[in-house]
Amino acid sequence: MKKLMTVFFSLGAMMLMAMPAYAQGGSAAAPATNWVPIASGFGMAIAAGLAALGQGRVGGAACEAMARNPAARPAVQLALILGLAFIESLVLFTLVIIFVKVV
């Protein structure tokens, strides 16, 4: 175990020493690409897509629950609306974070 810890700490020390080599400035002729807007678009697409999948599953489960027990409709409907609001709030939080990072 001690040998393994020594190897890991040695690798960590070598990685920390290599960091200044990558901090060197590049050539002035090549302009730097700003990847934040592109990555933000992908992040928003992933968040919206997964939220849509989640909302579909929540809606399907609520419909199935109301079909099995119609007397429990008010409780199921309340849980459905609350769940959909939480899922949509996560997408809105993603949108706010994207606006903060891009602007």
N, C-alpha and C. Protein backbone atom coordinates (compact mmCIF):
# COMPACT_ATOMS: atom_id res chain seq x y z
N MET A 1 0.82 -1.19 0.00
CA MET A 1 0.00 0.00 0.00
C MET A 1 0.87 1.25 0.00
N LYS A 2 1.98 1.18 0.76
CA LYS A 2 2.87 2.33 0.84
C LYS A 2 3.52 2.60 -0.52
N LYS A 3 3.83 1.55 -1.24
CA LYS A 3 4.43 1.71 -2.57
C LYS A 3 3.44 2.38 -3.54
N LEU A 4 2.18 1.97 -3.46
CA LEU A 4 1.15 2.56 -4.31
C LEU A 4 0.95 4.04 -3.99
N MET A 5 0.94 4.38 -2.71
CA MET A 5 0.81 5.80 -2.31
C MET A 5 2.00 6.60 -2.82
N THR A 6 3.18 6.03 -2.77
CA THR A 6 4.36 6.73 -3.25
C THR A 6 4.27 6.99 -4.75
N VAL A 7 3.79 6.01 -5.48
CA VAL A 7 3.63 6.18 -6.93
C VAL A 7 2.61 7.27 -7.23
N PHE A 8 1.48 7.26 -6.54
CA PHE A 8 0.46 8.28 -6.79
C PHE A 8 0.95 9.68 -6.45
N PHE A 9 1.63 9.82 -5.32
CA PHE A 9 2.14 11.14 -4.96
C PHE A 9 3.24 11.61 -5.90
N SER A 10 4.04 10.67 -6.39
CA SER A 10 5.08 11.03 -7.36
C SER A 10 4.45 11.50 -8.67
N LEU A 11 3.43 10.80 -9.14
CA LEU A 11 2.73 11.22 -10.35
C LEU A 11 2.07 12.58 -10.16
N GLY A 12 1.48 12.80 -9.00
CA GLY A 12 0.87 14.10 -8.72
C GLY A 12 1.88 15.22 -8.72
N ALA A 13 3.06 14.98 -8.13
CA ALA A 13 4.10 15.99 -8.12
C ALA A 13 4.60 16.29 -9.52
N MET A 14 4.73 15.26 -10.36
CA MET A 14 5.17 15.49 -11.73
C MET A 14 4.13 16.29 -12.52
N MET A 15 2.85 16.02 -12.27
CA MET A 15 1.80 16.77 -12.96
C MET A 15 1.80 18.24 -12.54
N LEU A 16 2.05 18.49 -11.26
CA LEU A 16 2.09 19.88 -10.80
C LEU A 16 3.29 20.62 -11.37
N MET A 17 4.40 19.93 -11.58
CA MET A 17 5.58 20.58 -12.16
C MET A 17 5.43 20.82 -13.65
N ALA A 18 4.59 20.04 -14.32
CA ALA A 18 4.41 20.20 -15.75
C ALA A 18 3.47 21.35 -16.08
N MET A 19 2.71 21.83 -15.12
CA MET A 19 1.74 22.88 -15.39
C MET A 19 2.37 24.17 -15.92
N PRO A 20 3.49 24.67 -15.41
CA PRO A 20 4.06 25.90 -15.97
C PRO A 20 4.47 25.76 -17.44
N ALA A 21 4.76 24.57 -17.88
CA ALA A 21 5.14 24.39 -19.28
C ALA A 21 3.95 24.67 -20.20
N TYR A 22 2.76 24.35 -19.74
CA TYR A 22 1.56 24.60 -20.55
C TYR A 22 1.08 26.04 -20.42
N ALA A 23 1.63 26.82 -19.50
CA ALA A 23 1.19 28.20 -19.29
C ALA A 23 1.91 29.16 -20.22
N GLN A 24 2.77 28.66 -21.08
CA GLN A 24 3.48 29.54 -22.00
C GLN A 24 2.52 30.13 -23.01
N GLY A 25 2.78 31.35 -23.42
CA GLY A 25 1.93 32.02 -24.40
C GLY A 25 2.12 31.43 -25.78
N GLY A 26 1.06 31.37 -26.56
CA GLY A 26 1.13 30.85 -27.91
C GLY A 26 1.56 31.94 -28.88
N SER A 27 1.50 31.63 -30.14
CA SER A 27 1.87 32.61 -31.14
C SER A 27 0.79 33.69 -31.23
N ALA A 28 1.20 34.90 -31.53
CA ALA A 28 0.26 36.02 -31.59
C ALA A 28 -0.57 35.99 -32.86
N ALA A 29 -0.18 35.21 -33.86
CA ALA A 29 -0.89 35.20 -35.13
C ALA A 29 -2.22 34.46 -35.04
N ALA A 30 -2.32 33.45 -34.20
CA ALA A 30 -3.53 32.65 -34.10
C ALA A 30 -4.46 33.26 -33.04
N PRO A 31 -5.64 33.71 -33.44
CA PRO A 31 -6.57 34.27 -32.45
C PRO A 31 -7.16 33.15 -31.59
N ALA A 32 -7.41 33.48 -30.33
CA ALA A 32 -7.98 32.50 -29.41
C ALA A 32 -9.48 32.35 -29.70
N THR A 33 -9.96 31.13 -29.64
CA THR A 33 -11.37 30.85 -29.87
C THR A 33 -12.10 30.88 -28.54
N ASN A 34 -13.22 31.57 -28.52
CA ASN A 34 -14.04 31.62 -27.32
C ASN A 34 -15.04 30.47 -27.37
N TRP A 35 -14.82 29.45 -26.56
CA TRP A 35 -15.64 28.25 -26.59
C TRP A 35 -16.85 28.34 -25.67
N VAL A 36 -16.95 29.39 -24.86
CA VAL A 36 -18.04 29.48 -23.89
C VAL A 36 -19.42 29.50 -24.55
N PRO A 37 -19.67 30.32 -25.59
CA PRO A 37 -21.02 30.28 -26.20
C PRO A 37 -21.37 28.94 -26.83
N ILE A 38 -20.39 28.29 -27.42
CA ILE A 38 -20.65 26.99 -28.04
C ILE A 38 -20.97 25.94 -26.97
N ALA A 39 -20.17 25.92 -25.92
CA ALA A 39 -20.42 24.97 -24.83
C ALA A 39 -21.72 25.28 -24.12
N SER A 40 -22.07 26.56 -24.02
CA SER A 40 -23.34 26.94 -23.39
C SER A 40 -24.52 26.43 -24.20
N GLY A 41 -24.43 26.50 -25.51
CA GLY A 41 -25.50 25.97 -26.35
C GLY A 41 -25.67 24.48 -26.17
N PHE A 42 -24.57 23.76 -26.12
CA PHE A 42 -24.66 22.32 -25.88
C PHE A 42 -25.24 22.03 -24.50
N GLY A 43 -24.81 22.80 -23.50
CA GLY A 43 -25.33 22.59 -22.15
C GLY A 43 -26.83 22.83 -22.06
N MET A 44 -27.29 23.89 -22.72
CA MET A 44 -28.73 24.18 -22.69
C MET A 44 -29.51 23.12 -23.46
N ALA A 45 -28.95 22.64 -24.57
CA ALA A 45 -29.63 21.59 -25.33
C ALA A 45 -29.75 20.31 -24.52
N ILE A 46 -28.69 19.95 -23.83
CA ILE A 46 -28.73 18.74 -23.01
C ILE A 46 -29.71 18.90 -21.87
N ALA A 47 -29.69 20.06 -21.20
CA ALA A 47 -30.61 20.29 -20.08
C ALA A 47 -32.06 20.26 -20.53
N ALA A 48 -32.36 20.91 -21.66
CA ALA A 48 -33.74 20.94 -22.14
C ALA A 48 -34.19 19.56 -22.62
N GLY A 49 -33.32 18.84 -23.29
CA GLY A 49 -33.68 17.52 -23.77
C GLY A 49 -33.94 16.54 -22.65
N LEU A 50 -33.07 16.52 -21.66
CA LEU A 50 -33.27 15.60 -20.54
C LEU A 50 -34.47 16.01 -19.69
N ALA A 51 -34.71 17.31 -19.57
CA ALA A 51 -35.90 17.76 -18.84
C ALA A 51 -37.17 17.33 -19.57
N ALA A 52 -37.16 17.39 -20.89
CA ALA A 52 -38.33 16.96 -21.66
C ALA A 52 -38.57 15.46 -21.48
N LEU A 53 -37.49 14.69 -21.45
CA LEU A 53 -37.65 13.25 -21.20
C LEU A 53 -38.23 13.00 -19.80
N GLY A 54 -37.72 13.74 -18.82
CA GLY A 54 -38.21 13.60 -17.45
C GLY A 54 -39.67 14.00 -17.32
N GLN A 55 -40.05 15.09 -17.99
CA GLN A 55 -41.44 15.53 -17.93
C GLN A 55 -42.36 14.53 -18.61
N GLY A 56 -41.90 13.92 -19.67
CA GLY A 56 -42.70 12.88 -20.32
C GLY A 56 -42.92 11.68 -19.41
N ARG A 57 -41.88 11.29 -18.72
CA ARG A 57 -42.02 10.15 -17.81
C ARG A 57 -42.93 10.49 -16.63
N VAL A 58 -42.81 11.72 -16.12
CA VAL A 58 -43.67 12.13 -15.01
C VAL A 58 -45.13 12.17 -15.45
N GLY A 59 -45.37 12.73 -16.64
CA GLY A 59 -46.74 12.78 -17.14
C GLY A 59 -47.32 11.40 -17.38
N GLY A 60 -46.52 10.51 -17.94
CA GLY A 60 -46.99 9.15 -18.18
C GLY A 60 -47.31 8.41 -16.89
N ALA A 61 -46.44 8.60 -15.89
CA ALA A 61 -46.68 7.94 -14.60
C ALA A 61 -47.92 8.51 -13.92
N ALA A 62 -48.14 9.82 -14.06
CA ALA A 62 -49.34 10.42 -13.46
C ALA A 62 -50.61 9.91 -14.15
N CYS A 63 -50.58 9.81 -15.46
CA CYS A 63 -51.74 9.28 -16.18
C CYS A 63 -52.03 7.84 -15.78
N GLU A 64 -50.98 7.06 -15.63
CA GLU A 64 -51.17 5.66 -15.22
C GLU A 64 -51.72 5.58 -13.80
N ALA A 65 -51.21 6.45 -12.92
CA ALA A 65 -51.69 6.44 -11.53
C ALA A 65 -53.16 6.86 -11.46
N MET A 66 -53.55 7.86 -12.26
CA MET A 66 -54.96 8.29 -12.25
C MET A 66 -55.86 7.24 -12.89
N ALA A 67 -55.34 6.49 -13.85
CA ALA A 67 -56.15 5.43 -14.45
C ALA A 67 -56.35 4.26 -13.50
N ARG A 68 -55.36 3.99 -12.68
CA ARG A 68 -55.48 2.88 -11.73
C ARG A 68 -56.38 3.24 -10.55
N ASN A 69 -56.29 4.50 -10.10
CA ASN A 69 -57.08 4.90 -8.94
C ASN A 69 -57.65 6.29 -9.18
N PRO A 70 -58.83 6.38 -9.79
CA PRO A 70 -59.40 7.69 -10.10
C PRO A 70 -59.72 8.53 -8.86
N ALA A 71 -59.91 7.90 -7.73
CA ALA A 71 -60.23 8.65 -6.51
C ALA A 71 -59.03 9.45 -6.01
N ALA A 72 -57.83 9.06 -6.40
CA ALA A 72 -56.63 9.76 -5.93
C ALA A 72 -56.19 10.85 -6.90
N ARG A 73 -57.10 11.27 -7.80
CA ARG A 73 -56.73 12.26 -8.81
C ARG A 73 -56.21 13.57 -8.22
N PRO A 74 -56.82 14.16 -7.19
CA PRO A 74 -56.30 15.44 -6.68
C PRO A 74 -54.87 15.33 -6.14
N ALA A 75 -54.58 14.27 -5.42
CA ALA A 75 -53.23 14.10 -4.86
C ALA A 75 -52.21 13.85 -5.96
N VAL A 76 -52.59 13.05 -6.95
CA VAL A 76 -51.68 12.76 -8.06
C VAL A 76 -51.44 14.02 -8.89
N GLN A 77 -52.51 14.79 -9.11
CA GLN A 77 -52.38 16.01 -9.90
C GLN A 77 -51.49 17.03 -9.19
N LEU A 78 -51.61 17.14 -7.88
CA LEU A 78 -50.75 18.06 -7.13
C LEU A 78 -49.29 17.63 -7.23
N ALA A 79 -49.03 16.33 -7.07
CA ALA A 79 -47.66 15.84 -7.18
C ALA A 79 -47.13 16.02 -8.60
N LEU A 80 -48.00 15.86 -9.59
CA LEU A 80 -47.60 16.04 -10.99
C LEU A 80 -47.18 17.49 -11.24
N ILE A 81 -47.99 18.43 -10.84
CA ILE A 81 -47.68 19.84 -11.08
C ILE A 81 -46.43 20.25 -10.32
N LEU A 82 -46.28 19.79 -9.09
CA LEU A 82 -45.09 20.11 -8.30
C LEU A 82 -43.83 19.52 -8.93
N GLY A 83 -43.91 18.29 -9.38
CA GLY A 83 -42.76 17.65 -10.04
C GLY A 83 -42.38 18.34 -11.33
N LEU A 84 -43.38 18.71 -12.14
CA LEU A 84 -43.10 19.41 -13.39
C LEU A 84 -42.47 20.78 -13.13
N ALA A 85 -42.91 21.45 -12.08
CA ALA A 85 -42.34 22.75 -11.74
C ALA A 85 -40.87 22.60 -11.34
N PHE A 86 -40.56 21.57 -10.56
CA PHE A 86 -39.16 21.35 -10.16
C PHE A 86 -38.29 21.01 -11.36
N ILE A 87 -38.79 20.19 -12.26
CA ILE A 87 -38.01 19.83 -13.45
C ILE A 87 -37.76 21.06 -14.31
N GLU A 88 -38.79 21.87 -14.51
CA GLU A 88 -38.64 23.07 -15.35
C GLU A 88 -37.72 24.09 -14.68
N SER A 89 -37.74 24.14 -13.34
CA SER A 89 -36.86 25.10 -12.65
C SER A 89 -35.39 24.75 -12.88
N LEU A 90 -35.07 23.47 -13.02
CA LEU A 90 -33.68 23.10 -13.29
C LEU A 90 -33.24 23.62 -14.66
N VAL A 91 -34.13 23.58 -15.64
CA VAL A 91 -33.79 24.12 -16.96
C VAL A 91 -33.62 25.63 -16.89
N LEU A 92 -34.46 26.30 -16.13
CA LEU A 92 -34.34 27.75 -15.98
C LEU A 92 -33.06 28.13 -15.24
N PHE A 93 -32.66 27.33 -14.25
CA PHE A 93 -31.38 27.58 -13.57
C PHE A 93 -30.22 27.44 -14.55
N THR A 94 -30.30 26.44 -15.42
CA THR A 94 -29.27 26.27 -16.44
C THR A 94 -29.22 27.49 -17.35
N LEU A 95 -30.37 28.00 -17.75
CA LEU A 95 -30.43 29.18 -18.60
C LEU A 95 -29.82 30.39 -17.91
N VAL A 96 -30.10 30.57 -16.64
CA VAL A 96 -29.53 31.71 -15.89
C VAL A 96 -28.02 31.58 -15.80
N ILE A 97 -27.52 30.38 -15.52
CA ILE A 97 -26.07 30.18 -15.43
C ILE A 97 -25.41 30.45 -16.77
N ILE A 98 -26.06 30.05 -17.85
CA ILE A 98 -25.51 30.32 -19.18
C ILE A 98 -25.44 31.82 -19.46
N PHE A 99 -26.49 32.55 -19.11
CA PHE A 99 -26.48 33.99 -19.32
C PHE A 99 -25.39 34.64 -18.49
N VAL A 100 -25.16 34.16 -17.28
CA VAL A 100 -24.12 34.73 -16.42
C VAL A 100 -22.73 34.46 -17.02
N LYS A 101 -22.53 33.27 -17.55
CA LYS A 101 -21.21 32.91 -18.08
C LYS A 101 -20.92 33.57 -19.43
N VAL A 102 -21.93 33.71 -20.29
CA VAL A 102 -21.70 34.24 -21.63
C VAL A 102 -21.59 35.75 -21.62
N VAL A 103 -22.43 36.41 -20.87
CA VAL A 103 -22.46 37.88 -20.88
C VAL A 103 -21.46 38.47 -19.95
